[in-house]
Amino acid sequence: MGGGSREDMAGPVGGLEVAAPPPPQKRHHNKRFAIGCALLASTTSVLLGYDIGVMSGAIIFIKNDLKVTDTQIEILAGILNLYSLVGSAAAGRTSDWLGRRYTIMVAAVFFFLGALLMGFATNYAFLMVGRFVAGVGVGYGLMIAPVYTAEVSPASYRGFLTSFAEVFINVGILLGYVSNFAFSRLPENLGWRMMLGVGAIPSVLIVVGSMFMPESPRWLVMQGRLGDARRVLAKTSDTDEEAELRLADIKGAAGIPQHCNDEVVQVADKRSHGEGVWRDLLLRPTPVVRRMLLAALGLHFFQQTSGIDSVVLYSPRIFESAGLKSHSSQLAMTVAVGFTKTAFILVATVFLDRCGRRPLLLAGTAGMIVSLLGLGTGLTVTQRHPGQRLEWAVAICFASVLSFVAFFSISLGPVTWVYTSEVFPLRLRAQAFGFGVAVNRVTSGAIAMSFISLYKAITIGGAFFLYCGVAAAAWVFFYLFLPETKGQTLEEMEFVFGKKKEITDRDEDIANV
């Protein structure tokens, strides 16, 4: 039966030989397209990274030039994180209303204006205005880049692509450190203005790049634009079959009947622009959503309270306390920190989808605990021998800082953004992620604006012992409350977080069939 030879047949069915369908062929150009989209979206994260890196050096010169106090420096360094709350709070609703792509443009425009205002600032108050405008842009960028990337990416390498946001934060930090070192030889009143003003350049590149990006297919489905969503999925999936399966999953999550294949449909859920999300997220969440929210907010909280901003933002002061007195030596050391942080985030991008989120998180956090213990010990020893330069203690401090940022970059750094961007249901995702960013920025601001006061109260070594204790508490939280999400589609996260039995029953039914 049939016209083919036996070589063309495969597999007996009911005693007959039937033709085996050819295996789906992977289209490598589609993977490159998805990577390109993720790269363009994630460049918004450069804005935050550059600000953190450049401010660590600029505050040295701002303090002398504008004659401000340590308290004012603390506020200046950390206030951008609180200002970014405005951006992150607005970004969820903006991205649901305008789309993910246009929200990326909004982020870049705000930071461009903020960088120019800071660069031309003539006094402390003017500088704070620039910090506010730039902070709004940072808040927008932090929220939208991982959400867009997670929604464009196939499940098989979503962790790899979503981790690009953290990669670009580290690239931005490194660029900020290099900018500090490059402009440190200029006159004091000009150097810090150049450091801050140059941050406008990446914003222009982001706006240009975003013009070539497609819109998120999940946002398109939420608007009923199925044809547009299908075309984007076809460009970012390995096979046509995978694209159709992804579209079917997204339609199911958006409440659109599977038989509906029109180019444009009327979405049954009238809340497709983000209305009512906060009620379902905070006032009446399901047990599954409540667990998702706990995991996401816990990640963002511990990412910052374990001390990363104190190490990155105040690294010149740390090295000064360790025994390095010249500004050029301190800034050169910070460049080494930036290179280490960037190199290890690249390592993390490779292993996120191979090892999983949970193993990297637990192993990296354990390494952070040991590093913070070493840094606290080294700084305590140097403080107890004032006026002496103990080379071995300096070496311990420097090695501990490098190992801390390395372990952070393979664990809490990327996993926080990847995990939070993928766990929430489609309708809640953008605004829930914005809530996570808000927690992240509040804790980051609190740490940045209290570090100098903290180490004056309990010594700089004591501050890092405190962070060590927080990191230990974080490890316990991750172990107890964070399930693995590697390889699951975004539409399957509800089962991962609360309905594991249904997955087991479903797999058993499939096996029985």
Protein backbone atom coordinates (compact mmCIF):
# COMPACT_ATOMS: atom_id res chain seq x y z
CA MET A 1 0.00 0.00 0.00
CA GLY A 2 1.32 3.44 -0.83
CA GLY A 3 3.79 4.18 -3.55
CA GLY A 4 7.10 4.22 -1.63
CA SER A 5 9.78 1.56 -1.31
CA ARG A 6 10.54 -0.18 1.97
CA GLU A 7 13.50 2.13 2.48
CA ASP A 8 10.99 4.99 2.60
CA MET A 9 8.83 3.22 5.17
CA ALA A 10 9.28 3.20 8.93
CA GLY A 11 7.48 1.75 11.91
CA PRO A 12 4.68 -0.87 11.86
CA VAL A 13 1.19 0.40 12.67
CA GLY A 14 -1.57 -2.24 12.71
CA GLY A 15 0.61 -4.60 10.68
CA LEU A 16 1.26 -2.02 7.96
CA GLU A 17 4.36 -0.05 7.19
CA VAL A 18 3.76 3.71 7.04
CA ALA A 19 6.00 6.54 5.95
CA ALA A 20 7.89 8.21 8.82
CA PRO A 21 7.53 12.00 8.80
CA PRO A 22 10.82 13.81 8.32
CA PRO A 23 12.19 15.23 11.55
CA PRO A 24 11.72 18.99 11.93
CA GLN A 25 14.79 20.86 10.85
CA LYS A 26 16.22 23.50 13.13
CA ARG A 27 16.66 26.88 11.53
CA HIS A 28 19.81 28.42 12.87
CA HIS A 29 19.06 31.83 11.37
CA ASN A 30 16.02 31.99 13.67
CA LYS A 31 18.21 31.47 16.72
CA ARG A 32 20.43 34.30 15.54
CA PHE A 33 17.35 36.51 15.12
CA ALA A 34 16.17 35.74 18.67
CA ILE A 35 19.66 36.46 20.01
CA GLY A 36 19.70 39.76 18.12
CA CYS A 37 16.36 40.79 19.64
CA ALA A 38 17.59 39.90 23.14
CA LEU A 39 20.83 41.82 22.64
CA LEU A 40 19.03 44.95 21.47
CA ALA A 41 16.50 44.84 24.32
CA SER A 42 19.12 44.14 26.97
CA THR A 43 21.23 47.16 26.03
CA THR A 44 18.84 49.21 28.20
CA SER A 45 20.53 47.56 31.20
CA VAL A 46 23.77 49.33 30.25
CA LEU A 47 22.16 52.49 31.62
CA LEU A 48 21.98 51.22 35.19
CA GLY A 49 25.40 49.58 35.04
CA TYR A 50 27.08 52.69 33.68
CA ASP A 51 25.53 54.87 36.37
CA ILE A 52 26.69 52.53 39.17
CA GLY A 53 30.20 52.24 37.77
CA VAL A 54 30.73 55.88 36.90
CA MET A 55 29.28 57.20 40.15
CA SER A 56 31.78 55.16 42.20
CA GLY A 57 34.58 57.35 40.83
CA ALA A 58 32.68 60.56 40.15
CA ILE A 59 31.67 60.99 43.81
CA ILE A 60 35.35 61.31 44.75
CA PHE A 61 35.63 64.45 42.61
CA ILE A 62 32.07 65.74 43.23
CA LYS A 63 32.76 65.75 46.97
CA ASN A 64 35.79 68.00 46.51
CA ASP A 65 34.42 70.20 43.72
CA LEU A 66 30.97 70.93 45.15
CA LYS A 67 32.12 70.77 48.80
CA VAL A 68 29.43 68.33 49.91
CA THR A 69 29.30 66.11 53.00
CA ASP A 70 29.49 62.32 53.27
CA THR A 71 25.75 62.22 53.95
CA GLN A 72 25.06 64.15 50.74
CA ILE A 73 27.37 61.77 48.86
CA GLU A 74 25.44 58.77 50.24
CA ILE A 75 22.17 60.31 49.09
CA LEU A 76 23.58 61.22 45.68
CA ALA A 77 24.93 57.70 45.12
CA GLY A 78 21.82 55.83 46.22
CA ILE A 79 18.93 58.13 45.39
CA LEU A 80 18.80 57.05 41.75
CA ASN A 81 17.54 53.66 42.93
CA LEU A 82 14.58 55.31 44.66
CA TYR A 83 13.93 57.60 41.72
CA SER A 84 13.87 54.51 39.48
CA LEU A 85 10.74 53.39 41.36
CA VAL A 86 8.81 55.94 39.34
CA GLY A 87 10.03 54.34 36.13
CA SER A 88 9.55 50.74 37.21
CA ALA A 89 6.04 51.50 38.56
CA ALA A 90 5.04 53.15 35.30
CA ALA A 91 6.82 50.67 33.03
CA GLY A 92 4.50 47.74 33.70
CA ARG A 93 1.41 49.68 32.69
CA THR A 94 3.22 51.49 29.87
CA SER A 95 4.44 48.21 28.37
CA ASP A 96 0.94 46.72 28.57
CA TRP A 97 -0.50 49.82 26.88
CA LEU A 98 2.09 50.88 24.29
CA GLY A 99 3.94 47.59 23.88
CA ARG A 100 7.31 46.33 25.02
CA ARG A 101 9.31 47.84 22.14
CA TYR A 102 8.13 51.43 22.60
CA THR A 103 8.71 51.15 26.34
CA ILE A 104 12.39 50.44 25.60
CA MET A 105 12.52 53.71 23.65
CA VAL A 106 10.93 55.58 26.57
CA ALA A 107 13.65 54.26 28.90
CA ALA A 108 16.43 55.46 26.60
CA VAL A 109 14.94 58.95 26.16
CA PHE A 110 14.66 59.50 29.92
CA PHE A 111 18.23 58.40 30.56
CA PHE A 112 19.54 60.55 27.69
CA LEU A 113 17.99 63.65 29.22
CA GLY A 114 19.18 62.70 32.70
CA ALA A 115 22.77 62.17 31.59
CA LEU A 116 22.85 65.58 29.91
CA LEU A 117 21.40 67.30 32.97
CA MET A 118 23.98 65.66 35.23
CA GLY A 119 26.81 66.53 32.86
CA PHE A 120 25.84 70.22 32.83
CA ALA A 121 25.00 70.43 36.54
CA THR A 122 26.35 73.55 38.25
CA ASN A 123 25.42 72.64 41.83
CA TYR A 124 24.17 69.82 44.03
CA ALA A 125 20.46 70.60 43.51
CA PHE A 126 20.86 70.66 39.70
CA LEU A 127 22.71 67.35 39.91
CA MET A 128 19.84 65.80 41.88
CA VAL A 129 17.35 66.85 39.18
CA GLY A 130 19.46 65.01 36.62
CA ARG A 131 19.60 61.98 38.92
CA PHE A 132 15.79 61.95 39.08
CA VAL A 133 15.30 62.01 35.31
CA ALA A 134 17.99 59.36 34.75
CA GLY A 135 16.48 57.25 37.54
CA VAL A 136 13.12 57.14 35.80
CA GLY A 137 14.87 55.85 32.67
CA VAL A 138 16.75 53.22 34.67
CA GLY A 139 13.49 52.01 36.22
CA TYR A 140 11.89 51.61 32.81
CA GLY A 141 14.93 49.78 31.41
CA LEU A 142 15.33 47.39 34.33
CA MET A 143 11.74 46.24 34.05
CA ILE A 144 11.26 45.97 30.31
CA ALA A 145 14.45 44.29 29.04
CA PRO A 146 14.06 40.89 30.79
CA VAL A 147 10.29 40.81 30.18
CA TYR A 148 10.66 41.44 26.44
CA THR A 149 13.49 38.92 26.12
CA ALA A 150 11.65 36.19 28.03
CA GLU A 151 8.56 36.67 25.85
CA VAL A 152 10.51 36.47 22.59
CA SER A 153 12.77 33.55 23.55
CA PRO A 154 12.06 29.82 23.07
CA ALA A 155 12.13 27.81 26.31
CA SER A 156 15.24 25.85 25.24
CA TYR A 157 17.55 28.86 25.59
CA ARG A 158 15.40 31.42 27.39
CA GLY A 159 17.74 31.50 30.40
CA PHE A 160 20.71 32.22 28.13
CA LEU A 161 18.95 35.11 26.40
CA THR A 162 17.27 36.60 29.46
CA SER A 163 20.60 36.68 31.30
CA PHE A 164 21.78 39.24 28.72
CA ALA A 165 20.20 41.95 30.90
CA GLU A 166 22.66 41.18 33.68
CA VAL A 167 25.49 40.90 31.13
CA PHE A 168 24.82 44.45 30.00
CA ILE A 169 24.55 45.75 33.56
CA ASN A 170 28.08 44.43 34.03
CA VAL A 171 29.22 45.86 30.71
CA GLY A 172 27.82 49.21 31.83
CA ILE A 173 29.64 48.99 35.17
CA LEU A 174 32.88 48.22 33.37
CA LEU A 175 32.37 51.13 30.97
CA GLY A 176 31.69 53.39 33.97
CA TYR A 177 34.93 52.28 35.65
CA VAL A 178 36.89 52.81 32.44
CA SER A 179 35.30 56.26 32.05
CA ASN A 180 36.36 57.14 35.60
CA PHE A 181 39.93 56.12 34.92
CA ALA A 182 40.01 57.88 31.52
CA PHE A 183 38.64 61.23 32.75
CA SER A 184 40.31 61.24 36.18
CA ARG A 185 43.27 63.24 34.84
CA LEU A 186 41.09 66.13 33.66
CA PRO A 187 40.61 69.20 35.87
CA GLU A 188 38.45 68.28 38.86
CA ASN A 189 35.49 70.46 37.89
CA LEU A 190 35.42 69.03 34.34
CA GLY A 191 36.30 65.36 34.91
CA TRP A 192 33.20 64.26 36.82
CA ARG A 193 30.91 66.14 34.42
CA MET A 194 32.44 64.28 31.47
CA MET A 195 32.10 60.99 33.35
CA LEU A 196 28.36 61.52 33.86
CA GLY A 197 27.54 63.26 30.56
CA VAL A 198 29.07 60.55 28.35
CA GLY A 199 26.26 58.28 29.57
CA ALA A 200 23.97 59.94 27.00
CA ILE A 201 25.73 58.13 24.14
CA PRO A 202 24.38 54.59 24.85
CA SER A 203 20.84 56.02 25.02
CA VAL A 204 21.02 57.20 21.41
CA LEU A 205 22.23 53.78 20.26
CA ILE A 206 19.36 52.09 22.14
CA VAL A 207 16.71 54.22 20.42
CA VAL A 208 18.20 53.46 17.00
CA GLY A 209 18.47 49.74 17.73
CA SER A 210 14.92 49.43 19.03
CA MET A 211 13.59 50.59 15.65
CA PHE A 212 14.72 47.25 14.19
CA MET A 213 13.13 45.05 16.89
CA PRO A 214 9.82 43.20 16.49
CA GLU A 215 7.13 43.55 19.12
CA SER A 216 6.73 40.83 21.76
CA PRO A 217 4.51 38.02 20.40
CA ARG A 218 2.81 37.63 23.76
CA TRP A 219 1.89 41.32 23.85
CA LEU A 220 0.58 41.03 20.28
CA VAL A 221 -1.63 38.11 21.27
CA MET A 222 -2.94 40.10 24.25
CA GLN A 223 -4.03 42.74 21.72
CA GLY A 224 -5.64 40.10 19.47
CA ARG A 225 -3.05 40.56 16.69
CA LEU A 226 -2.57 36.85 16.00
CA GLY A 227 -1.13 37.26 12.52
CA ASP A 228 1.61 39.58 13.71
CA ALA A 229 2.34 37.28 16.65
CA ARG A 230 2.58 34.24 14.37
CA ARG A 231 5.11 36.02 12.14
CA VAL A 232 7.32 36.98 15.10
CA LEU A 233 7.15 33.44 16.52
CA ALA A 234 8.10 32.00 13.13
CA LYS A 235 11.23 34.15 13.18
CA THR A 236 12.23 33.23 16.76
CA SER A 237 11.40 29.49 16.88
CA ASP A 238 13.55 26.59 15.74
CA THR A 239 10.76 24.96 13.69
CA ASP A 240 7.30 25.79 12.33
CA GLU A 241 5.85 23.19 14.69
CA GLU A 242 7.45 24.89 17.68
CA ALA A 243 6.11 28.27 16.55
CA GLU A 244 2.55 26.90 16.33
CA LEU A 245 2.83 25.21 19.72
CA ARG A 246 4.09 28.45 21.30
CA LEU A 247 1.23 30.37 19.70
CA ALA A 248 -1.30 27.83 20.99
CA ASP A 249 0.10 28.11 24.52
CA ILE A 250 0.01 31.91 24.43
CA LYS A 251 -3.55 31.95 23.06
CA GLY A 252 -4.61 29.65 25.87
CA ALA A 253 -3.01 31.91 28.46
CA ALA A 254 -4.70 34.97 26.91
CA GLY A 255 -8.14 33.31 26.86
CA ILE A 256 -8.40 33.13 23.06
CA PRO A 257 -10.08 29.97 21.62
CA GLN A 258 -7.64 27.69 19.84
CA HIS A 259 -9.83 27.49 16.72
CA CYS A 260 -9.52 31.24 16.23
CA ASN A 261 -6.93 31.90 13.52
CA ASP A 262 -7.95 35.34 12.27
CA GLU A 263 -5.29 37.95 11.66
CA VAL A 264 -6.94 40.22 14.25
CA VAL A 265 -9.41 39.05 16.90
CA GLN A 266 -11.31 40.70 19.68
CA VAL A 267 -9.67 39.55 22.91
CA ALA A 268 -12.33 38.34 25.34
CA ASP A 269 -10.38 39.59 28.35
CA LYS A 270 -11.02 43.35 28.42
CA ARG A 271 -8.08 43.85 30.78
CA SER A 272 -5.53 43.37 28.00
CA HIS A 273 -4.01 46.80 28.72
CA GLY A 274 -3.17 45.87 32.30
CA GLU A 275 -6.34 46.86 34.15
CA GLY A 276 -7.13 44.85 37.28
CA VAL A 277 -3.70 43.25 37.55
CA TRP A 278 -2.84 44.65 40.97
CA ARG A 279 -6.05 43.23 42.43
CA ASP A 280 -5.20 39.72 41.23
CA LEU A 281 -1.55 40.11 42.19
CA LEU A 282 -1.84 41.61 45.68
CA LEU A 283 -5.42 41.70 46.95
CA ARG A 284 -6.77 38.33 45.83
CA PRO A 285 -3.85 36.24 44.55
CA THR A 286 -4.25 32.50 44.11
CA PRO A 287 -1.94 30.30 46.24
CA VAL A 288 0.21 29.69 43.17
CA VAL A 289 0.57 33.39 42.35
CA ARG A 290 1.32 34.09 46.01
CA ARG A 291 4.19 31.59 45.93
CA MET A 292 5.50 33.06 42.68
CA LEU A 293 5.42 36.54 44.21
CA LEU A 294 7.23 35.37 47.35
CA ALA A 295 9.98 33.74 45.30
CA ALA A 296 10.42 36.75 43.00
CA LEU A 297 10.41 39.39 45.72
CA GLY A 298 12.74 37.30 47.88
CA LEU A 299 15.23 37.10 45.03
CA HIS A 300 15.18 40.84 44.44
CA PHE A 301 15.46 41.61 48.16
CA PHE A 302 18.42 39.32 48.80
CA GLN A 303 20.19 40.32 45.58
CA GLN A 304 20.70 43.80 47.00
CA THR A 305 20.84 43.27 50.77
CA SER A 306 23.75 40.85 50.38
CA GLY A 307 25.92 43.90 49.67
CA ILE A 308 26.66 44.01 45.94
CA ASP A 309 26.06 47.77 45.62
CA SER A 310 28.32 48.50 48.59
CA VAL A 311 31.13 46.55 46.92
CA VAL A 312 30.63 47.99 43.42
CA LEU A 313 29.66 51.56 44.27
CA TYR A 314 32.13 52.10 47.11
CA SER A 315 35.01 49.93 45.90
CA PRO A 316 37.46 52.91 45.93
CA ARG A 317 36.71 53.40 49.65
CA ILE A 318 37.10 49.68 50.31
CA PHE A 319 40.51 49.68 48.65
CA GLU A 320 41.44 52.86 50.54
CA SER A 321 40.52 51.14 53.83
CA ALA A 322 42.61 48.14 52.75
CA GLY A 323 45.69 50.36 52.35
CA LEU A 324 45.62 51.86 48.82
CA LYS A 325 45.77 55.64 49.22
CA SER A 326 46.18 57.05 45.69
CA HIS A 327 43.04 57.74 43.62
CA SER A 328 44.63 56.33 40.46
CA SER A 329 45.44 53.04 42.20
CA GLN A 330 41.92 52.77 43.60
CA LEU A 331 40.32 53.45 40.21
CA ALA A 332 42.67 50.99 38.50
CA MET A 333 41.57 48.33 40.99
CA THR A 334 37.93 49.04 40.22
CA VAL A 335 38.60 48.38 36.52
CA ALA A 336 39.86 44.91 37.52
CA VAL A 337 36.64 44.41 39.49
CA GLY A 338 34.62 45.42 36.43
CA PHE A 339 36.47 43.00 34.15
CA THR A 340 35.98 40.14 36.62
CA LYS A 341 32.29 40.86 37.04
CA THR A 342 31.74 41.00 33.28
CA ALA A 343 33.78 37.85 32.55
CA PHE A 344 31.87 35.70 35.04
CA ILE A 345 28.45 36.86 33.90
CA LEU A 346 29.42 35.52 30.48
CA VAL A 347 30.14 32.18 32.15
CA ALA A 348 26.68 32.25 33.72
CA THR A 349 24.94 32.77 30.37
CA VAL A 350 26.41 29.47 29.17
CA PHE A 351 25.36 27.41 32.19
CA LEU A 352 21.91 28.84 33.01
CA ASP A 353 20.16 26.51 30.57
CA ARG A 354 22.60 23.63 31.05
CA CYS A 355 22.81 23.45 34.85
CA GLY A 356 19.56 25.20 35.72
CA ARG A 357 18.72 28.24 37.80
CA ARG A 358 18.65 26.56 41.20
CA PRO A 359 22.12 24.88 41.20
CA LEU A 360 23.83 28.09 40.06
CA LEU A 361 21.95 30.12 42.65
CA LEU A 362 22.83 27.86 45.57
CA ALA A 363 26.47 27.34 44.58
CA GLY A 364 27.09 31.02 43.82
CA THR A 365 25.45 32.24 47.02
CA ALA A 366 27.63 29.85 49.03
CA GLY A 367 30.69 31.36 47.33
CA MET A 368 29.45 34.87 48.17
CA ILE A 369 29.19 33.91 51.85
CA VAL A 370 32.81 32.74 51.94
CA SER A 371 33.99 35.85 50.03
CA LEU A 372 32.19 38.26 52.37
CA LEU A 373 33.69 36.44 55.35
CA GLY A 374 37.17 36.90 53.84
CA LEU A 375 36.59 40.57 53.02
CA GLY A 376 35.29 41.33 56.50
CA THR A 377 38.30 39.58 58.04
CA GLY A 378 40.84 41.38 55.82
CA LEU A 379 39.35 44.82 56.47
CA THR A 380 39.14 44.19 60.21
CA VAL A 381 42.83 43.24 60.34
CA THR A 382 43.91 46.39 58.43
CA GLN A 383 41.82 48.61 60.70
CA ARG A 384 43.47 47.16 63.77
CA HIS A 385 46.90 48.10 62.39
CA PRO A 386 46.48 51.77 61.40
CA GLY A 387 49.40 53.36 59.62
CA GLN A 388 50.74 49.98 58.50
CA ARG A 389 50.29 48.45 55.07
CA LEU A 390 49.89 44.70 55.53
CA GLU A 391 50.38 43.29 52.04
CA TRP A 392 48.77 39.97 52.87
CA ALA A 393 45.66 41.69 54.22
CA VAL A 394 45.48 43.90 51.11
CA ALA A 395 45.74 40.74 48.99
CA ILE A 396 42.93 39.06 50.96
CA CYS A 397 40.69 42.11 50.52
CA PHE A 398 41.37 42.38 46.80
CA ALA A 399 40.91 38.62 46.22
CA SER A 400 37.70 38.61 48.30
CA VAL A 401 36.21 41.50 46.32
CA LEU A 402 37.01 39.77 43.03
CA SER A 403 35.63 36.41 44.19
CA PHE A 404 32.50 38.08 45.61
CA VAL A 405 31.61 39.80 42.33
CA ALA A 406 32.49 36.61 40.42
CA PHE A 407 30.15 34.43 42.50
CA PHE A 408 27.44 37.11 42.37
CA SER A 409 27.74 37.20 38.59
CA ILE A 410 27.11 33.47 38.20
CA SER A 411 24.21 33.36 40.65
CA LEU A 412 22.15 36.16 42.15
CA GLY A 413 23.08 38.63 39.42
CA PRO A 414 21.56 36.89 36.37
CA VAL A 415 19.21 34.41 38.07
CA THR A 416 17.16 37.17 39.73
CA TRP A 417 16.24 38.73 36.39
CA VAL A 418 15.82 35.45 34.51
CA TYR A 419 13.70 33.82 37.20
CA THR A 420 11.42 36.81 37.80
CA SER A 421 10.81 37.36 34.10
CA GLU A 422 9.65 33.79 33.50
CA VAL A 423 7.56 32.68 36.49
CA PHE A 424 4.43 34.87 36.35
CA PRO A 425 1.31 34.25 34.22
CA LEU A 426 1.10 36.25 31.00
CA ARG A 427 -1.46 38.82 32.14
CA LEU A 428 0.40 39.52 35.39
CA ARG A 429 3.96 39.32 34.07
CA ALA A 430 4.83 42.91 33.17
CA GLN A 431 3.39 44.57 36.27
CA ALA A 432 4.54 41.78 38.61
CA PHE A 433 8.05 42.18 37.25
CA GLY A 434 7.76 45.92 37.79
CA PHE A 435 6.87 45.22 41.42
CA GLY A 436 9.99 43.06 41.74
CA VAL A 437 12.11 45.84 40.27
CA ALA A 438 10.59 48.26 42.80
CA VAL A 439 11.66 46.02 45.69
CA ASN A 440 15.10 45.68 44.08
CA ARG A 441 15.57 49.42 43.77
CA VAL A 442 14.27 50.24 47.28
CA THR A 443 16.69 47.81 48.90
CA SER A 444 19.51 48.91 46.60
CA GLY A 445 18.88 52.54 47.50
CA ALA A 446 18.74 51.74 51.20
CA ILE A 447 22.07 49.88 51.04
CA ALA A 448 23.79 52.56 48.93
CA MET A 449 22.56 55.43 51.09
CA SER A 450 23.46 53.78 54.39
CA PHE A 451 26.85 52.15 53.72
CA ILE A 452 29.08 55.01 54.89
CA SER A 453 26.96 55.53 58.01
CA LEU A 454 26.89 51.77 58.62
CA TYR A 455 30.64 51.26 58.47
CA LYS A 456 31.22 54.31 60.66
CA ALA A 457 28.91 52.75 63.23
CA ILE A 458 30.11 49.11 63.19
CA THR A 459 33.43 49.40 61.25
CA ILE A 460 33.84 48.56 57.58
CA GLY A 461 34.79 44.98 58.40
CA GLY A 462 31.68 44.65 60.56
CA ALA A 463 29.52 45.87 57.67
CA PHE A 464 30.70 43.01 55.49
CA PHE A 465 30.21 40.49 58.29
CA LEU A 466 26.62 41.73 58.41
CA TYR A 467 26.23 41.21 54.66
CA CYS A 468 27.68 37.73 55.13
CA GLY A 469 24.87 36.89 57.56
CA VAL A 470 22.27 38.19 55.11
CA ALA A 471 23.75 36.03 52.33
CA ALA A 472 23.53 32.97 54.60
CA ALA A 473 19.84 33.69 55.22
CA ALA A 474 19.37 34.09 51.46
CA TRP A 475 20.85 30.62 50.82
CA VAL A 476 18.32 29.04 53.19
CA PHE A 477 15.45 30.94 51.51
CA PHE A 478 16.50 29.85 48.02
CA TYR A 479 16.85 26.24 49.11
CA LEU A 480 13.35 26.13 50.64
CA PHE A 481 11.24 28.28 48.32
CA LEU A 482 12.62 28.31 44.76
CA PRO A 483 11.76 25.40 42.44
CA GLU A 484 13.70 24.77 39.24
CA THR A 485 12.26 26.40 36.09
CA LYS A 486 14.79 25.27 33.48
CA GLY A 487 13.22 23.97 30.27
CA GLN A 488 9.62 24.88 31.19
CA THR A 489 7.60 27.11 28.90
CA LEU A 490 6.28 30.34 30.34
CA GLU A 491 2.77 28.89 30.21
CA GLU A 492 3.78 25.86 32.36
CA MET A 493 5.01 27.84 35.39
CA GLU A 494 1.70 27.47 37.22
CA PHE A 495 2.31 23.71 37.36
CA VAL A 496 5.91 24.20 38.48
CA PHE A 497 4.86 26.37 41.41
CA GLY A 498 1.71 24.70 42.59
CA LYS A 499 0.37 21.83 40.55
CA LYS A 500 3.16 19.28 40.30
CA LYS A 501 0.69 16.44 40.78
CA GLU A 502 -1.19 17.48 37.64
CA ILE A 503 2.06 17.32 35.65
CA THR A 504 2.77 13.83 36.99
CA ASP A 505 -0.76 12.66 36.19
CA ARG A 506 -0.56 14.19 32.72
CA ASP A 507 2.76 12.47 32.00
CA GLU A 508 1.38 9.15 33.24
CA ASP A 509 -1.68 9.50 30.98
CA ILE A 510 0.56 10.22 27.99
CA ALA A 511 2.71 7.21 28.82
CA ASN A 512 -0.36 4.95 29.11
CA VAL A 513 -1.66 6.11 25.75
